[in-house]
Amino acid sequence: MNEPHVADSGNQVHGRLQIFTRPEQARLISRPNRFVMIVEDKNGVRRRAHCPNPGKLIEFLLPGQPLLIEGHTNPDRSTDCTVVAVEYKGKVLFLYSAKANDIASSLVLPQLHPAGEIVPEWKVGNSRFDFLIRDRQDLLVEVKSCSLSEYGVAMFPDTATARGSRHVEELSGLVSRGHAAEVLFILSHEDTQRFMPNPHTDPLFCQALHRANSVMPVRAVSVRTDRQGYVQVVNPNVPIDTATPALRARENSGVYLLLIRLDAPFTLPVQRIGRPVLQPGWYVYAGSAKTNLQQRIARHLRKRKKMHWHIDYLLQQSSSVKAFPIRTAEDLECTLAGDISKNADSQVKGFGCSDCSCNSHLFYFPGNPLHNRGVLDTLFYYRHVGFMDA
């Protein structure tokens, strides 16, 4: 049985909540795993920092990325500080995903439900949800923190989340049995103009949220964070679109980028394009699938397969491959390839473009393309804006 407990409002002053208190400037060196970042502080000392956000965060992971860290003194921890925020494109964005619950309980839910008692961590059956609001009708609330927003469009999640899909489906099931519920997204980008579930990274969550949106409120609230750690609500009612991304997720068609690492020179055994010698480094390939996008990418990621396309020979020799799908109904392969080419060092002439007039769909980078801001901006443009043009 749950015991009533009113959520702690934290250090709240005049509509603001302080979620960190002793920030120091630092810069990113690397991220060895999801929960650890190696940073360099303002004195040039390298430190092992806790990363309190399990997302991929690829937009923030360029070496040298400005960060805000906060020290801690617990001798049992393997890190001596926490990355509490990033300084990104002129904004401070809180990175501590668990703080979204504090923001919700202190700044958002009291405005949405002023007469209700806010009780955290409420269990129903075998499921636990972020809040119960006790009012004339009890209301279950699930809160999600969203740090991904580009070109004015916020998307959640930035990587697949089976747990997130399960929570949304469980809430929908409870609503069908007479409970009241809602899903609340806290958006760390203050200038977000629209929120969507992310069809490119998690089509299952995308469709689950669209179904939920037909039976319960789904809300998105944007906030502003300053360098002293104070957060305030900017837009309590960011427009939400679940229909467009859910449609794209169901269609399972689109374009994609493959990021391929080659550790040794390799002669591509394709006579038609002159058997080019590919140098060690990184390659980005632009492809498309009018149907079965997810299955096409899964085939690319398998090492053992029958050689059929030019890309199969390169993938067989690669030391690592990452795939970035863009779900769209429009054929954007050639325009995507053209935009990637603007940031590449060179291209493999004739590769992957036998059925179009492009010079190539394979591009060479001496360093990791995910550390190239132009490549990232291109990917985000197609994922956040370009996929909707159809």
Protein backbone atom coordinates (compact mmCIF):
# COMPACT_ATOMS: atom_id res chain seq x y z
CA MET A 1 0.00 0.00 0.00
CA ASN A 2 1.32 3.47 -0.86
CA GLU A 3 1.84 5.97 1.94
CA PRO A 4 0.94 9.59 1.10
CA HIS A 5 3.95 11.81 0.63
CA VAL A 6 3.88 15.32 -0.77
CA ALA A 7 6.61 15.99 -3.33
CA ASP A 8 9.43 18.26 -2.15
CA SER A 9 9.37 21.53 -4.06
CA GLY A 10 13.14 22.09 -3.68
CA ASN A 11 14.69 25.56 -3.78
CA GLN A 12 11.87 27.41 -5.48
CA VAL A 13 11.87 31.22 -5.73
CA HIS A 14 9.34 33.34 -7.66
CA GLY A 15 8.43 30.70 -10.21
CA ARG A 16 11.98 29.37 -10.50
CA LEU A 17 13.55 26.16 -9.21
CA GLN A 18 17.27 25.75 -8.57
CA ILE A 19 18.32 22.28 -9.72
CA PHE A 20 22.09 22.74 -9.32
CA THR A 21 23.96 25.17 -7.09
CA ARG A 22 27.74 25.10 -7.60
CA PRO A 23 28.37 24.91 -11.34
CA GLU A 24 31.87 25.03 -12.76
CA GLN A 25 32.77 25.39 -16.42
CA ALA A 26 34.35 22.43 -18.18
CA ARG A 27 34.69 20.95 -21.63
CA LEU A 28 34.08 17.46 -22.96
CA ILE A 29 36.99 15.18 -23.77
CA SER A 30 35.12 11.90 -24.35
CA ARG A 31 32.22 9.73 -23.22
CA PRO A 32 33.51 6.20 -22.56
CA ASN A 33 30.03 4.89 -21.69
CA ARG A 34 26.48 6.10 -21.15
CA PHE A 35 27.03 7.18 -17.55
CA VAL A 36 30.58 8.55 -17.63
CA MET A 37 32.17 11.55 -19.33
CA ILE A 38 35.82 12.54 -19.25
CA VAL A 39 35.93 16.32 -18.89
CA GLU A 40 38.58 18.99 -18.53
CA ASP A 41 37.82 21.62 -15.91
CA LYS A 42 38.68 25.32 -16.08
CA ASN A 43 42.11 24.60 -14.53
CA GLY A 44 42.99 22.13 -17.26
CA VAL A 45 42.54 19.10 -14.99
CA ARG A 46 40.92 16.02 -16.50
CA ARG A 47 38.15 14.56 -14.35
CA ARG A 48 35.87 11.57 -14.47
CA ALA A 49 32.29 12.88 -14.39
CA HIS A 50 28.94 11.20 -13.93
CA CYS A 51 26.62 11.65 -16.93
CA PRO A 52 23.08 11.69 -15.49
CA ASN A 53 21.37 11.20 -18.85
CA PRO A 54 21.38 7.76 -20.55
CA GLY A 55 20.42 9.08 -24.00
CA LYS A 56 22.75 9.02 -26.99
CA LEU A 57 23.16 12.81 -26.87
CA ILE A 58 25.11 12.82 -30.14
CA GLU A 59 24.50 16.53 -30.67
CA PHE A 60 26.47 17.28 -27.47
CA LEU A 61 29.38 14.86 -27.88
CA LEU A 62 31.79 16.85 -30.03
CA PRO A 63 35.17 17.10 -28.26
CA GLY A 64 35.45 20.50 -26.64
CA GLN A 65 31.71 20.83 -26.02
CA PRO A 66 31.21 23.38 -23.19
CA LEU A 67 29.67 21.85 -20.08
CA LEU A 68 28.70 22.79 -16.54
CA ILE A 69 29.79 20.37 -13.83
CA GLU A 70 29.03 20.17 -10.11
CA GLY A 71 31.42 18.48 -7.70
CA HIS A 72 30.47 15.83 -5.17
CA THR A 73 32.41 14.39 -2.26
CA ASN A 74 30.99 10.88 -1.77
CA PRO A 75 34.11 8.65 -1.54
CA ASP A 76 32.11 5.59 -2.65
CA ARG A 77 31.44 7.04 -6.09
CA SER A 78 33.73 6.33 -9.05
CA THR A 79 33.38 9.93 -10.25
CA ASP A 80 34.11 13.22 -8.48
CA CYS A 81 31.60 15.44 -10.28
CA THR A 82 28.38 15.39 -12.30
CA VAL A 83 27.69 16.99 -15.68
CA VAL A 84 24.60 19.03 -14.83
CA ALA A 85 24.19 21.06 -18.04
CA VAL A 86 25.56 21.73 -21.51
CA GLU A 87 26.08 25.09 -23.18
CA TYR A 88 24.70 24.53 -26.66
CA LYS A 89 24.06 27.05 -29.42
CA GLY A 90 23.82 29.95 -26.99
CA LYS A 91 21.62 28.15 -24.43
CA VAL A 92 22.16 26.36 -21.14
CA LEU A 93 20.35 23.01 -21.21
CA PHE A 94 19.94 20.93 -18.06
CA LEU A 95 21.25 17.42 -18.60
CA TYR A 96 20.14 15.78 -15.36
CA SER A 97 17.13 13.82 -16.65
CA ALA A 98 15.89 12.91 -13.16
CA LYS A 99 15.50 16.63 -12.38
CA ALA A 100 12.55 16.70 -14.80
CA ASN A 101 10.45 15.22 -11.98
CA ASP A 102 11.48 18.05 -9.63
CA ILE A 103 10.61 20.61 -12.30
CA ALA A 104 7.27 18.92 -12.89
CA SER A 105 6.31 18.71 -9.20
CA SER A 106 7.46 22.25 -8.33
CA LEU A 107 6.71 24.34 -11.42
CA VAL A 108 4.31 22.52 -13.76
CA LEU A 109 1.87 20.25 -11.96
CA PRO A 110 0.84 22.84 -9.34
CA GLN A 111 -0.23 25.11 -12.20
CA LEU A 112 -2.04 22.37 -14.10
CA HIS A 113 -3.73 20.90 -11.02
CA PRO A 114 -3.75 23.63 -8.35
CA ALA A 115 -6.18 21.85 -6.03
CA GLY A 116 -4.44 18.49 -6.08
CA GLU A 117 -2.00 16.87 -3.66
CA ILE A 118 1.11 15.74 -5.57
CA VAL A 119 2.35 12.35 -4.44
CA PRO A 120 5.53 10.93 -6.03
CA GLU A 121 6.33 7.36 -7.02
CA TRP A 122 2.83 5.86 -7.04
CA LYS A 123 2.44 2.12 -7.58
CA VAL A 124 -0.49 0.51 -9.37
CA GLY A 125 -0.26 -3.27 -9.53
CA ASN A 126 3.26 -4.10 -10.68
CA SER A 127 3.80 -0.68 -12.27
CA ARG A 128 5.22 2.47 -10.71
CA PHE A 129 4.48 5.92 -12.12
CA ASP A 130 6.11 9.25 -11.38
CA PHE A 131 3.19 10.94 -9.63
CA LEU A 132 -0.33 10.56 -8.37
CA ILE A 133 -2.32 13.77 -8.09
CA ARG A 134 -5.06 13.41 -5.50
CA ASP A 135 -8.05 15.51 -6.47
CA ARG A 136 -11.73 14.95 -7.18
CA GLN A 137 -10.49 12.23 -9.53
CA ASP A 138 -7.06 10.78 -8.86
CA LEU A 139 -4.66 11.31 -11.78
CA LEU A 140 -1.54 9.30 -12.67
CA VAL A 141 1.28 11.28 -14.31
CA GLU A 142 4.32 9.97 -16.14
CA VAL A 143 7.12 12.53 -16.74
CA LYS A 144 9.77 12.33 -19.47
CA SER A 145 12.82 14.57 -19.90
CA CYS A 146 13.58 15.63 -23.49
CA SER A 147 16.92 17.25 -24.38
CA LEU A 148 16.78 16.69 -28.16
CA SER A 149 15.45 19.66 -30.11
CA GLU A 150 16.70 20.90 -33.47
CA TYR A 151 15.23 23.39 -35.92
CA GLY A 152 12.53 24.19 -33.37
CA VAL A 153 11.25 20.59 -33.19
CA ALA A 154 11.79 18.56 -30.00
CA MET A 155 11.74 14.76 -30.26
CA PHE A 156 11.69 11.97 -27.70
CA PRO A 157 13.42 9.57 -27.36
CA ASP A 158 16.88 9.95 -28.91
CA THR A 159 17.41 6.20 -28.56
CA ALA A 160 15.01 3.26 -28.31
CA THR A 161 13.30 2.97 -24.92
CA ALA A 162 11.34 -0.20 -24.26
CA ARG A 163 10.70 1.09 -20.73
CA GLY A 164 9.15 4.29 -22.07
CA SER A 165 6.88 2.39 -24.44
CA ARG A 166 5.81 0.06 -21.63
CA HIS A 167 4.93 2.98 -19.34
CA VAL A 168 2.80 4.63 -22.02
CA GLU A 169 1.04 1.39 -22.89
CA GLU A 170 0.37 0.66 -19.21
CA LEU A 171 -1.13 4.12 -18.73
CA SER A 172 -3.37 3.64 -21.77
CA GLY A 173 -4.52 0.33 -20.35
CA LEU A 174 -5.32 1.92 -16.99
CA VAL A 175 -7.32 4.66 -18.71
CA SER A 176 -9.38 2.00 -20.49
CA ARG A 177 -10.20 0.59 -17.04
CA GLY A 178 -11.44 3.90 -15.67
CA HIS A 179 -8.31 5.58 -14.32
CA ALA A 180 -7.29 9.14 -15.25
CA ALA A 181 -3.73 9.69 -16.53
CA GLU A 182 -1.48 11.97 -18.54
CA VAL A 183 2.04 12.07 -19.97
CA LEU A 184 4.17 15.17 -19.43
CA PHE A 185 7.35 16.00 -21.38
CA ILE A 186 9.78 18.54 -19.92
CA LEU A 187 11.68 20.10 -22.85
CA SER A 188 15.07 21.59 -22.00
CA HIS A 189 15.16 23.85 -25.11
CA GLU A 190 13.28 27.04 -24.30
CA ASP A 191 12.73 27.93 -27.98
CA THR A 192 11.00 24.67 -28.97
CA GLN A 193 8.08 25.34 -31.31
CA ARG A 194 6.69 21.81 -31.60
CA PHE A 195 7.07 18.41 -29.93
CA MET A 196 6.90 14.99 -31.61
CA PRO A 197 7.66 11.40 -30.66
CA ASN A 198 10.74 10.27 -32.58
CA PRO A 199 9.86 7.89 -35.44
CA HIS A 200 13.49 7.57 -36.55
CA THR A 201 14.92 6.17 -33.31
CA ASP A 202 11.90 4.41 -31.77
CA PRO A 203 8.88 3.72 -34.02
CA LEU A 204 7.24 1.56 -31.32
CA PHE A 205 7.26 4.38 -28.76
CA CYS A 206 6.07 6.75 -31.48
CA GLN A 207 3.00 4.66 -32.20
CA ALA A 208 2.35 3.97 -28.50
CA LEU A 209 2.30 7.70 -27.72
CA HIS A 210 0.01 8.39 -30.68
CA ARG A 211 -2.48 5.81 -29.38
CA ALA A 212 -2.20 7.28 -25.89
CA ASN A 213 -2.82 10.78 -27.23
CA SER A 214 -6.32 9.68 -28.27
CA VAL A 215 -7.33 8.61 -24.74
CA MET A 216 -5.45 10.94 -22.36
CA PRO A 217 -3.70 14.32 -22.28
CA VAL A 218 -0.15 14.40 -23.63
CA ARG A 219 1.56 17.66 -22.67
CA ALA A 220 4.89 19.29 -23.49
CA VAL A 221 6.39 22.17 -21.49
CA SER A 222 9.55 24.05 -22.43
CA VAL A 223 11.84 25.50 -19.76
CA ARG A 224 14.80 27.86 -19.53
CA THR A 225 17.89 27.11 -17.42
CA ASP A 226 20.47 29.70 -16.41
CA ARG A 227 24.10 29.27 -15.39
CA GLN A 228 23.22 29.42 -11.69
CA GLY A 229 21.00 26.37 -12.06
CA TYR A 230 17.63 28.11 -11.93
CA VAL A 231 14.87 26.73 -14.16
CA GLN A 232 11.64 28.45 -15.13
CA VAL A 233 8.78 27.54 -17.43
CA VAL A 234 8.80 29.35 -20.79
CA ASN A 235 5.93 27.72 -22.68
CA PRO A 236 3.49 25.55 -20.70
CA ASN A 237 1.67 24.40 -23.82
CA VAL A 238 4.07 23.48 -26.62
CA PRO A 239 2.09 22.18 -29.64
CA ILE A 240 2.25 18.39 -30.07
CA ASP A 241 2.03 16.32 -33.24
CA THR A 242 1.84 12.55 -32.81
CA ALA A 243 -0.04 11.77 -36.04
CA THR A 244 2.66 12.64 -38.60
CA PRO A 245 5.49 10.68 -36.94
CA ALA A 246 3.18 7.72 -36.19
CA LEU A 247 2.26 7.56 -39.88
CA ARG A 248 5.92 7.60 -40.88
CA ALA A 249 6.69 4.88 -38.34
CA ARG A 250 3.94 2.61 -39.72
CA GLU A 251 5.01 3.11 -43.35
CA ASN A 252 8.54 1.80 -42.62
CA SER A 253 10.09 3.56 -45.60
CA GLY A 254 12.70 6.25 -45.97
CA VAL A 255 16.38 7.00 -46.32
CA TYR A 256 19.34 6.30 -44.08
CA LEU A 257 22.98 7.03 -43.39
CA LEU A 258 25.53 4.35 -42.57
CA LEU A 259 28.60 5.47 -40.65
CA ILE A 260 31.37 3.00 -41.42
CA ARG A 261 34.87 2.70 -39.97
CA LEU A 262 37.65 1.11 -42.03
CA ASP A 263 40.91 0.31 -40.22
CA ALA A 264 43.06 -0.81 -43.16
CA PRO A 265 43.25 -0.08 -46.91
CA PHE A 266 40.75 -2.09 -48.92
CA THR A 267 40.45 -2.60 -52.67
CA LEU A 268 36.76 -2.61 -53.52
CA PRO A 269 36.16 -5.57 -55.90
CA VAL A 270 33.78 -3.72 -58.22
CA GLN A 271 35.21 -3.52 -61.73
CA ARG A 272 32.50 -1.19 -63.03
CA ILE A 273 33.77 1.67 -60.86
CA GLY A 274 37.46 0.83 -61.35
CA ARG A 275 38.22 -1.26 -58.23
CA PRO A 276 39.04 1.80 -56.08
CA VAL A 277 41.37 1.50 -53.12
CA LEU A 278 39.60 2.78 -50.00
CA GLN A 279 41.88 4.36 -47.41
CA PRO A 280 41.52 3.84 -43.66
CA GLY A 281 39.17 6.28 -42.00
CA TRP A 282 35.44 6.88 -41.84
CA TYR A 283 32.85 6.60 -44.60
CA VAL A 284 29.27 7.81 -44.76
CA TYR A 285 26.88 6.07 -47.14
CA ALA A 286 23.46 7.42 -48.11
CA GLY A 287 20.85 4.83 -49.06
CA SER A 288 17.10 4.37 -49.24
CA ALA A 289 14.36 1.77 -48.89
CA LYS A 290 10.90 2.39 -50.33
CA THR A 291 9.63 -0.51 -48.23
CA ASN A 292 11.02 -2.43 -45.26
CA LEU A 293 13.45 0.28 -44.10
CA GLN A 294 14.02 -1.40 -40.76
CA GLN A 295 14.75 -4.76 -42.39
CA ARG A 296 17.12 -3.18 -44.94
CA ILE A 297 19.17 -1.60 -42.17
CA ALA A 298 19.20 -4.86 -40.19
CA ARG A 299 20.63 -6.59 -43.27
CA HIS A 300 23.36 -3.97 -43.58
CA LEU A 301 24.35 -4.53 -39.95
CA ARG A 302 24.74 -8.30 -40.40
CA LYS A 303 28.26 -9.43 -41.24
CA ARG A 304 27.23 -12.70 -42.90
CA LYS A 305 25.17 -12.20 -46.04
CA LYS A 306 25.28 -12.75 -49.77
CA MET A 307 27.16 -9.97 -51.57
CA HIS A 308 24.66 -8.00 -53.65
CA TRP A 309 25.27 -4.23 -53.48
CA HIS A 310 28.50 -2.23 -53.59
CA ILE A 311 28.04 -1.40 -49.92
CA ASP A 312 28.03 -5.09 -48.92
CA TYR A 313 31.75 -5.44 -49.78
CA LEU A 314 32.71 -2.43 -47.69
CA LEU A 315 30.55 -3.45 -44.73
CA GLN A 316 32.19 -6.88 -44.69
CA GLN A 317 35.60 -5.21 -44.13
CA SER A 318 34.44 -2.58 -41.63
CA SER A 319 35.41 -2.55 -37.95
CA SER A 320 32.20 -0.76 -36.92
CA VAL A 321 28.92 0.34 -38.50
CA LYS A 322 26.22 2.66 -37.16
CA ALA A 323 22.90 3.28 -38.87
CA PHE A 324 20.80 6.45 -38.80
CA PRO A 325 17.35 5.94 -40.37
CA ILE A 326 15.19 8.84 -41.53
CA ARG A 327 11.58 7.72 -41.95
CA THR A 328 9.94 9.60 -44.79
CA ALA A 329 7.51 8.95 -47.65
CA GLU A 330 9.60 11.04 -50.05
CA ASP A 331 12.67 9.87 -51.98
CA LEU A 332 15.37 12.02 -50.38
CA GLU A 333 18.37 9.78 -51.05
CA CYS A 334 20.07 11.97 -53.65
CA THR A 335 19.47 15.26 -51.85
CA LEU A 336 20.71 13.71 -48.61
CA ALA A 337 23.84 12.43 -50.37
CA GLY A 338 24.44 15.85 -51.89
CA ASP A 339 24.20 17.57 -48.51
CA ILE A 340 26.56 15.06 -46.86
CA SER A 341 29.06 15.58 -49.69
CA LYS A 342 29.41 19.26 -48.71
CA ASN A 343 31.09 18.22 -45.46
CA ALA A 344 33.21 15.30 -46.74
CA ASP A 345 36.91 15.29 -47.60
CA SER A 346 36.33 13.23 -50.75
CA GLN A 347 33.96 10.77 -52.40
CA VAL A 348 34.19 7.34 -54.03
CA LYS A 349 33.17 8.08 -57.59
CA GLY A 350 30.32 5.97 -58.95
CA PHE A 351 29.63 4.20 -55.66
CA GLY A 352 25.97 3.43 -54.92
CA CYS A 353 24.55 5.67 -57.64
CA SER A 354 24.12 3.45 -60.68
CA ASP A 355 20.43 4.36 -60.95
CA CYS A 356 20.76 8.16 -60.58
CA SER A 357 22.88 11.05 -61.88
CA CYS A 358 24.85 11.63 -58.65
CA ASN A 359 28.64 11.34 -58.63
CA SER A 360 28.60 9.19 -55.50
CA HIS A 361 26.64 8.12 -52.45
CA LEU A 362 29.76 7.20 -50.41
CA PHE A 363 31.87 9.88 -48.76
CA TYR A 364 35.22 9.80 -46.97
CA PHE A 365 36.08 11.49 -43.65
CA PRO A 366 39.52 11.16 -42.00
CA GLY A 367 37.91 11.67 -38.55
CA ASN A 368 34.67 10.58 -36.95
CA PRO A 369 31.77 12.20 -38.87
CA LEU A 370 29.79 12.42 -35.61
CA HIS A 371 32.38 15.00 -34.53
CA ASN A 372 31.59 17.10 -37.62
CA ARG A 373 28.96 19.74 -36.86
CA GLY A 374 27.97 19.98 -40.53
CA VAL A 375 27.18 16.26 -40.70
CA LEU A 376 25.14 16.43 -37.49
CA ASP A 377 23.20 19.48 -38.65
CA THR A 378 22.40 17.68 -41.92
CA LEU A 379 21.16 14.58 -40.09
CA PHE A 380 19.05 16.66 -37.72
CA TYR A 381 17.58 18.75 -40.53
CA TYR A 382 16.30 15.64 -42.33
CA ARG A 383 15.10 14.02 -39.09
CA HIS A 384 13.37 17.07 -37.61
CA VAL A 385 12.15 19.00 -40.65
CA GLY A 386 12.89 17.31 -43.99
CA PHE A 387 11.02 14.09 -43.28
CA MET A 388 7.76 16.03 -42.95
CA ASP A 389 7.91 17.69 -46.38
CA ALA A 390 5.91 14.87 -47.95
